[in-house]
Amino acid sequence: MSALSRLWPQWLRPGQRWVIGVPYLWLLFFFAVPFAILLRISVTDMGEQLDPFAAILHDHDGRWRLILKLSNYFSLFQDDEGILGSTLYTEAYWLSIRYAFWTTVLCLLLGYPFAYFMSKAPEQRRPLLLLMVMLPFWTSFLLRVYAWKGILADQGIINNALMALGVIHEPIQMLYTDVSMLVGMTYVYLPFMVLPLYATLIKIDQRLIEAAYDLGTTPWKAFWLITVPLSKAGIVAGSMLVFIPCLGEFVIPSLLGGAENIMIGRVVWDEMFSSNNWPRASALAILMIVLVVLPLAWYNHRVARQAQAESLQ
């Protein structure tokens, strides 16, 4: 009792309970519980009643058996003849990873210079620049995507302008291509890259840059050897904020991608609402979550070990 009373005020004071408890309760009810329900449905037989709260332990002749329908996961990598190989689902996963990767690269290439010059701008102009970055959030996500559909269409703004100038004589196919997908996703998720980068770049000690200049370093070399390594945390945070939602994107592929650009978010939708195959759709979603969570957990573990090693030095 005495030991508990000594530990209790240190890390579970009333104010700290609210600060720590509210986020944990939020994650419990809005992530852990839905994830558990989704996991339960993913191991359910298609013919059974989809009750996520039904027990998976069943009594058969006095023996308890664990009933798990793992074939929902195996079928994702099997063709119609049951042979492991490339399937619609694996192609959708690879296509989603490819689009998410290139969108992250484009957002980094476009967002880093913008965030850099924002951090170098006069202090009185920075709020206006931040407002410009956040201004798209004030309009509907769906309307912004539809706007790009009108811009990139065969009779859209770009094709009409080029034809009016005599640059082209026939419309260029831009809509329902990889170009329209990358343009739409880069436009939508670019602020998610700029804001973390700006928050990191604004905190860099400028005396380090000035010291590099005093030692005879060129501006480009100082930027590459000092600014970029010190902004690593912003690069990683921005890349995660872009890559993770891009991986499960549904609206942009449906409006700008066409029938051939099938990403995993659209496949999950089709399996759940068109095919009414909730177990397989849940298995697809669980596997996508695992593909995201495992690399993040590995990276966080590595960062924690590096920070611990640096603190011991």
Protein backbone atom coordinates (compact mmCIF):
# COMPACT_ATOMS: atom_id res chain seq x y z
CA MET A 1 0.00 0.00 0.00
CA SER A 2 2.78 2.41 0.84
CA ALA A 3 4.67 1.62 -2.35
CA LEU A 4 1.51 2.13 -4.41
CA SER A 5 0.77 5.41 -2.67
CA ARG A 6 4.25 6.62 -3.50
CA LEU A 7 3.92 5.75 -7.19
CA TRP A 8 0.35 6.91 -7.68
CA PRO A 9 0.87 10.71 -7.40
CA GLN A 10 3.91 10.61 -9.69
CA TRP A 11 2.28 9.45 -12.89
CA LEU A 12 -1.46 9.25 -12.23
CA ARG A 13 -2.33 12.65 -10.88
CA PRO A 14 -5.88 13.84 -11.68
CA GLY A 15 -4.76 16.12 -14.51
CA GLN A 16 -2.46 13.48 -15.97
CA ARG A 17 -5.25 10.89 -15.90
CA TRP A 18 -7.33 13.05 -18.22
CA VAL A 19 -4.41 13.90 -20.49
CA ILE A 20 -3.39 10.24 -20.82
CA GLY A 21 -6.77 8.57 -20.43
CA VAL A 22 -8.79 10.49 -23.04
CA PRO A 23 -6.51 9.61 -26.00
CA TYR A 24 -6.32 6.00 -24.83
CA LEU A 25 -10.11 5.77 -24.59
CA TRP A 26 -10.42 7.35 -28.05
CA LEU A 27 -8.01 4.79 -29.53
CA LEU A 28 -9.76 1.98 -27.67
CA PHE A 29 -13.28 2.74 -28.88
CA PHE A 30 -12.52 4.09 -32.34
CA PHE A 31 -9.56 1.93 -33.38
CA ALA A 32 -9.04 -1.14 -31.19
CA VAL A 33 -12.70 -2.17 -30.96
CA PRO A 34 -13.50 -1.66 -34.68
CA PHE A 35 -10.26 -3.45 -35.57
CA ALA A 36 -11.24 -6.39 -33.35
CA ILE A 37 -14.69 -6.54 -34.97
CA LEU A 38 -13.12 -6.42 -38.42
CA LEU A 39 -10.67 -9.16 -37.44
CA ARG A 40 -13.54 -11.29 -36.14
CA ILE A 41 -15.48 -10.94 -39.41
CA SER A 42 -12.37 -11.77 -41.47
CA VAL A 43 -12.21 -15.28 -39.97
CA THR A 44 -15.92 -15.99 -40.41
CA ASP A 45 -17.39 -18.34 -42.98
CA MET A 46 -19.32 -16.59 -45.74
CA GLY A 47 -22.35 -18.76 -45.11
CA GLU A 48 -22.51 -18.04 -41.40
CA GLN A 49 -24.32 -15.18 -39.74
CA LEU A 50 -21.96 -12.19 -39.59
CA ASP A 51 -22.22 -11.50 -35.89
CA PRO A 52 -18.95 -9.88 -34.77
CA PHE A 53 -19.79 -10.55 -31.13
CA ALA A 54 -20.40 -14.27 -31.62
CA ALA A 55 -17.90 -16.54 -29.94
CA ILE A 56 -15.28 -18.27 -32.06
CA LEU A 57 -14.99 -21.07 -29.49
CA HIS A 58 -17.57 -23.81 -30.02
CA ASP A 59 -18.38 -26.86 -27.94
CA HIS A 60 -18.25 -30.09 -29.96
CA ASP A 61 -18.93 -33.25 -27.94
CA GLY A 62 -17.57 -31.73 -24.76
CA ARG A 63 -14.45 -30.35 -26.46
CA TRP A 64 -13.88 -26.67 -27.16
CA ARG A 65 -12.64 -25.93 -30.66
CA LEU A 66 -11.36 -22.70 -32.10
CA ILE A 67 -13.16 -22.01 -35.38
CA LEU A 68 -11.22 -19.69 -37.67
CA LYS A 69 -11.87 -19.33 -41.41
CA LEU A 70 -8.29 -18.60 -42.53
CA SER A 71 -9.11 -19.43 -46.12
CA ASN A 72 -10.40 -15.86 -46.44
CA TYR A 73 -6.76 -14.77 -46.25
CA PHE A 74 -5.34 -17.61 -48.37
CA SER A 75 -7.83 -16.92 -51.15
CA LEU A 76 -6.35 -13.46 -51.62
CA PHE A 77 -3.21 -15.04 -53.10
CA GLN A 78 -4.83 -17.92 -55.00
CA ASP A 79 -6.35 -17.95 -58.45
CA ASP A 80 -9.56 -19.74 -59.40
CA GLU A 81 -7.70 -23.09 -59.49
CA GLY A 82 -6.23 -22.62 -56.01
CA ILE A 83 -2.69 -21.94 -57.24
CA LEU A 84 -0.61 -19.33 -55.45
CA GLY A 85 0.37 -16.43 -57.68
CA SER A 86 -0.63 -13.04 -58.93
CA THR A 87 -4.33 -12.33 -58.42
CA LEU A 88 -6.61 -9.34 -58.66
CA TYR A 89 -5.99 -8.63 -54.99
CA THR A 90 -2.19 -8.82 -55.13
CA GLU A 91 -2.19 -6.58 -58.21
CA ALA A 92 -4.43 -4.11 -56.38
CA TYR A 93 -2.03 -4.11 -53.43
CA TRP A 94 1.02 -3.50 -55.64
CA LEU A 95 -0.82 -0.82 -57.61
CA SER A 96 -1.84 0.92 -54.39
CA ILE A 97 1.72 0.80 -53.05
CA ARG A 98 3.06 2.15 -56.35
CA TYR A 99 0.62 5.05 -56.49
CA ALA A 100 1.17 5.84 -52.80
CA PHE A 101 4.95 5.77 -53.25
CA TRP A 102 5.05 8.07 -56.27
CA THR A 103 2.52 10.42 -54.72
CA THR A 104 4.74 10.65 -51.65
CA VAL A 105 7.79 11.35 -53.81
CA LEU A 106 5.99 14.06 -55.80
CA CYS A 107 4.61 15.66 -52.63
CA LEU A 108 8.12 15.69 -51.15
CA LEU A 109 9.67 17.20 -54.27
CA LEU A 110 6.99 19.90 -54.47
CA GLY A 111 6.41 20.41 -50.77
CA TYR A 112 9.99 20.69 -49.52
CA PRO A 113 10.89 23.84 -51.53
CA PHE A 114 7.59 25.45 -50.56
CA ALA A 115 8.08 24.64 -46.86
CA TYR A 116 11.71 25.78 -47.04
CA PHE A 117 10.87 29.18 -48.49
CA MET A 118 8.00 29.53 -46.02
CA SER A 119 10.48 29.06 -43.17
CA LYS A 120 12.81 31.64 -44.77
CA ALA A 121 10.05 34.19 -45.40
CA PRO A 122 9.68 37.25 -43.15
CA GLU A 123 7.84 36.43 -39.96
CA GLN A 124 4.89 38.71 -40.77
CA ARG A 125 4.26 36.86 -44.06
CA ARG A 126 4.30 33.33 -42.66
CA PRO A 127 0.66 33.32 -41.46
CA LEU A 128 -0.49 34.26 -44.97
CA LEU A 129 1.60 31.47 -46.50
CA LEU A 130 0.21 28.97 -43.99
CA LEU A 131 -3.28 30.16 -44.87
CA MET A 132 -2.58 29.45 -48.54
CA VAL A 133 -1.52 25.91 -47.67
CA MET A 134 -4.58 25.22 -45.52
CA LEU A 135 -7.08 27.02 -47.77
CA PRO A 136 -8.01 23.86 -49.78
CA PHE A 137 -9.23 22.25 -46.54
CA TRP A 138 -11.99 24.87 -46.41
CA THR A 139 -13.67 23.37 -49.46
CA SER A 140 -15.17 19.93 -49.96
CA PHE A 141 -12.76 17.12 -50.77
CA LEU A 142 -15.21 15.72 -53.30
CA LEU A 143 -15.65 19.08 -55.05
CA ARG A 144 -11.88 19.51 -55.40
CA VAL A 145 -11.55 16.09 -57.03
CA TYR A 146 -14.47 16.84 -59.36
CA ALA A 147 -12.76 20.10 -60.29
CA TRP A 148 -9.72 18.18 -61.51
CA LYS A 149 -12.02 15.92 -63.48
CA GLY A 150 -13.25 18.98 -65.36
CA ILE A 151 -9.73 20.32 -65.83
CA LEU A 152 -8.25 17.09 -67.22
CA ALA A 153 -11.21 15.97 -69.37
CA ASP A 154 -10.98 15.77 -73.15
CA GLN A 155 -13.10 18.92 -73.36
CA GLY A 156 -11.62 20.34 -70.19
CA ILE A 157 -9.77 23.57 -69.53
CA ILE A 158 -6.29 22.33 -70.45
CA ASN A 159 -7.26 20.69 -73.74
CA ASN A 160 -9.46 23.62 -74.77
CA ALA A 161 -6.67 26.11 -74.00
CA LEU A 162 -4.07 24.11 -75.93
CA MET A 163 -6.39 23.70 -78.90
CA ALA A 164 -7.25 27.40 -78.87
CA LEU A 165 -3.54 28.26 -78.96
CA GLY A 166 -2.97 25.85 -81.83
CA VAL A 167 -0.54 23.69 -79.84
CA ILE A 168 -2.62 20.54 -80.43
CA HIS A 169 -5.36 19.64 -82.87
CA GLU A 170 -6.92 16.76 -80.95
CA PRO A 171 -7.58 16.42 -77.21
CA ILE A 172 -4.86 14.73 -75.16
CA GLN A 173 -6.05 11.78 -73.08
CA MET A 174 -5.28 12.88 -69.52
CA LEU A 175 -8.32 11.72 -67.61
CA TYR A 176 -8.52 8.09 -66.43
CA THR A 177 -4.76 7.64 -66.71
CA ASP A 178 -1.80 7.42 -64.36
CA VAL A 179 -1.28 11.15 -64.89
CA SER A 180 -4.74 12.06 -63.61
CA MET A 181 -4.32 9.74 -60.63
CA LEU A 182 -0.97 11.20 -59.60
CA VAL A 183 -2.07 14.78 -60.22
CA GLY A 184 -5.22 14.36 -58.14
CA MET A 185 -3.54 12.54 -55.27
CA THR A 186 -0.56 14.91 -55.20
CA TYR A 187 -2.84 17.95 -55.15
CA VAL A 188 -5.01 16.58 -52.34
CA TYR A 189 -2.21 15.34 -50.07
CA LEU A 190 0.42 18.04 -50.70
CA PRO A 191 -0.57 20.07 -47.58
CA PHE A 192 0.02 16.98 -45.43
CA MET A 193 3.65 17.09 -46.57
CA VAL A 194 4.16 20.85 -46.36
CA LEU A 195 2.92 21.39 -42.81
CA PRO A 196 5.21 18.87 -41.01
CA LEU A 197 8.17 20.03 -43.08
CA TYR A 198 7.50 23.67 -42.24
CA ALA A 199 7.12 22.85 -38.53
CA THR A 200 10.53 21.14 -38.61
CA LEU A 201 12.38 23.66 -40.77
CA ILE A 202 11.22 26.62 -38.70
CA LYS A 203 12.93 25.11 -35.63
CA ILE A 204 16.37 24.67 -37.22
CA ASP A 205 19.04 26.75 -35.53
CA GLN A 206 20.16 29.21 -38.20
CA ARG A 207 23.48 29.70 -36.45
CA LEU A 208 24.54 26.30 -37.79
CA ILE A 209 23.97 27.52 -41.35
CA GLU A 210 25.85 30.74 -40.66
CA ALA A 211 28.75 28.79 -39.17
CA ALA A 212 28.89 26.63 -42.30
CA TYR A 213 29.05 29.76 -44.45
CA ASP A 214 31.84 31.16 -42.29
CA LEU A 215 33.80 27.96 -42.88
CA GLY A 216 33.54 28.44 -46.65
CA THR A 217 30.67 26.08 -47.45
CA THR A 218 28.57 26.80 -50.52
CA PRO A 219 24.81 27.39 -50.02
CA TRP A 220 23.91 24.14 -51.79
CA LYS A 221 26.37 22.11 -49.71
CA ALA A 222 25.13 23.72 -46.49
CA PHE A 223 21.57 22.91 -47.47
CA TRP A 224 22.35 19.29 -48.33
CA LEU A 225 24.64 18.55 -45.35
CA ILE A 226 22.89 20.57 -42.63
CA THR A 227 19.32 21.55 -43.49
CA VAL A 228 18.20 18.24 -45.01
CA PRO A 229 19.53 16.00 -42.19
CA LEU A 230 18.04 18.30 -39.54
CA SER A 231 14.67 18.14 -41.30
CA LYS A 232 14.62 14.34 -41.34
CA ALA A 233 11.83 14.20 -38.74
CA GLY A 234 9.60 16.39 -40.91
CA ILE A 235 10.35 14.32 -44.01
CA VAL A 236 9.42 11.10 -42.24
CA ALA A 237 6.28 12.58 -40.66
CA GLY A 238 5.12 14.12 -43.94
CA SER A 239 5.82 10.92 -45.87
CA MET A 240 3.75 8.90 -43.41
CA LEU A 241 0.87 11.39 -43.51
CA VAL A 242 0.84 11.13 -47.31
CA PHE A 243 1.66 7.46 -47.91
CA ILE A 244 -0.76 5.90 -45.40
CA PRO A 245 -4.00 7.57 -46.60
CA CYS A 246 -2.93 7.24 -50.24
CA LEU A 247 -2.62 3.49 -49.78
CA GLY A 248 -6.31 3.12 -49.02
CA GLU A 249 -7.61 5.95 -51.22
CA PHE A 250 -11.04 5.32 -52.72
CA VAL A 251 -12.55 8.57 -54.04
CA ILE A 252 -9.72 9.67 -56.34
CA PRO A 253 -9.31 6.27 -58.10
CA SER A 254 -13.08 6.11 -58.60
CA LEU A 255 -13.34 9.59 -60.14
CA LEU A 256 -9.98 10.05 -61.87
CA GLY A 257 -8.57 6.56 -62.29
CA GLY A 258 -11.10 4.79 -64.44
CA ALA A 259 -11.88 1.10 -64.55
CA GLU A 260 -8.30 -0.15 -65.01
CA ASN A 261 -6.70 1.71 -62.09
CA ILE A 262 -8.11 -0.45 -59.31
CA MET A 263 -6.57 0.33 -55.92
CA ILE A 264 -7.16 -1.75 -52.83
CA GLY A 265 -9.65 0.70 -51.31
CA ARG A 266 -11.93 0.27 -54.30
CA VAL A 267 -11.51 -3.51 -54.22
CA VAL A 268 -12.56 -3.58 -50.54
CA TRP A 269 -15.61 -1.50 -51.44
CA ASP A 270 -16.57 -3.82 -54.29
CA GLU A 271 -16.14 -6.95 -52.17
CA MET A 272 -18.22 -5.54 -49.33
CA PHE A 273 -21.07 -3.79 -51.16
CA SER A 274 -21.12 -5.30 -54.66
CA SER A 275 -20.17 -8.93 -53.95
CA ASN A 276 -21.50 -8.74 -50.37
CA ASN A 277 -18.50 -10.78 -49.26
CA TRP A 278 -17.78 -9.15 -45.91
CA PRO A 279 -15.27 -11.77 -44.66
CA ARG A 280 -13.03 -11.35 -47.71
CA ALA A 281 -13.38 -7.56 -47.61
CA SER A 282 -12.40 -7.61 -43.93
CA ALA A 283 -9.41 -9.82 -44.71
CA LEU A 284 -8.31 -7.35 -47.39
CA ALA A 285 -8.60 -4.46 -44.94
CA ILE A 286 -6.76 -6.32 -42.16
CA LEU A 287 -3.90 -7.22 -44.49
CA MET A 288 -3.64 -3.60 -45.64
CA ILE A 289 -3.47 -2.43 -42.01
CA VAL A 290 -0.72 -4.97 -41.31
CA LEU A 291 1.26 -3.76 -44.32
CA VAL A 292 1.18 -0.25 -42.84
CA VAL A 293 1.56 -1.00 -39.12
CA LEU A 294 4.52 -3.40 -39.28
CA PRO A 295 6.90 -0.98 -41.09
CA LEU A 296 5.83 1.83 -38.75
CA ALA A 297 6.42 -0.33 -35.69
CA TRP A 298 9.86 -1.34 -37.02
CA TYR A 299 10.77 2.29 -37.70
CA ASN A 300 9.59 3.48 -34.27
CA HIS A 301 11.56 0.69 -32.61
CA ARG A 302 14.66 1.65 -34.56
CA VAL A 303 14.28 5.34 -33.70
CA ALA A 304 13.79 4.50 -30.02
CA ARG A 305 16.94 2.36 -30.00
CA GLN A 306 18.96 5.11 -31.68
CA ALA A 307 17.70 7.68 -29.19
CA GLN A 308 18.56 5.36 -26.30
CA ALA A 309 22.04 4.75 -27.71
CA GLU A 310 22.63 8.49 -28.13
CA SER A 311 21.51 9.18 -24.56
CA LEU A 312 24.03 6.63 -23.23
CA GLN A 313 26.93 8.18 -25.09
